[in-house]
Amino acid sequence: MGINKPTGKGYGINAVSFTLNLKQIMMKLTATVFLLFIGFFFTPAFGQAVNDQGSHAVDPRVRAAVFQVLDEYMDTFNAKDLDGWERTYQFPHYRLASGKMSVLEKAGLRSSEKVFGELKKTGWDHSKWDHRNIIQASADKVHVDTGFSRYRADGSLIGHYESLYILTKENGKWGVKFRSSYAE
């Protein structure tokens, strides 16, 4: 490998060295094309999501509306008021938990016993938000990093669950469109 003594044609690179250099060049070219592809196709999508369509700077009116919905969400959940709880949703409503995606097409398709019965079997009495942080926002969609805890009637902790809520403004109304949590 390496440079040979000059030949009559003036080429000073042998075939093995040329093949290795060609492979290195092709790898670099492939990597460059890949990075250009990623930049070309994905930067506009991510860039617009943050710069043009949403940001970490949240309009105070949006923040207030979103937190009001989340307060109503938790209050109606704790009151075991299924109709009120579903009024805080947008439909179709999506939930990703326990490795399953569930879709609720419209309000009124579930019974209170089914929704709250399993929780009651665990000793659940109520839940509380531990934190709610808006991590991205636009005028009509907000991503909220949340954490909540479930408690028994005596105040003892059942568990703490991290989650992501996506709220959307549809037809002039804010509501919970998507929930992803580690709760069962």
Foldseek 3Di string as FASTA:
>chain_A
DDFDDADPVRGGDDPVRVVVVVVVVVVVVVVVVVVVVCCVPPCVVVVCQDPVFKHLDDDVVVVVQVVVLVVQLQVCVLVLPQVSNQVQADAQAWEAEPNDIDTDHHPDPDDSCVVCVVVVVLQFRGKDWPDWGFGMDGPFKTKIWTKMWTAHPVGDTPDIKTKIWMWGQDPNHIHTRYIYIHDD
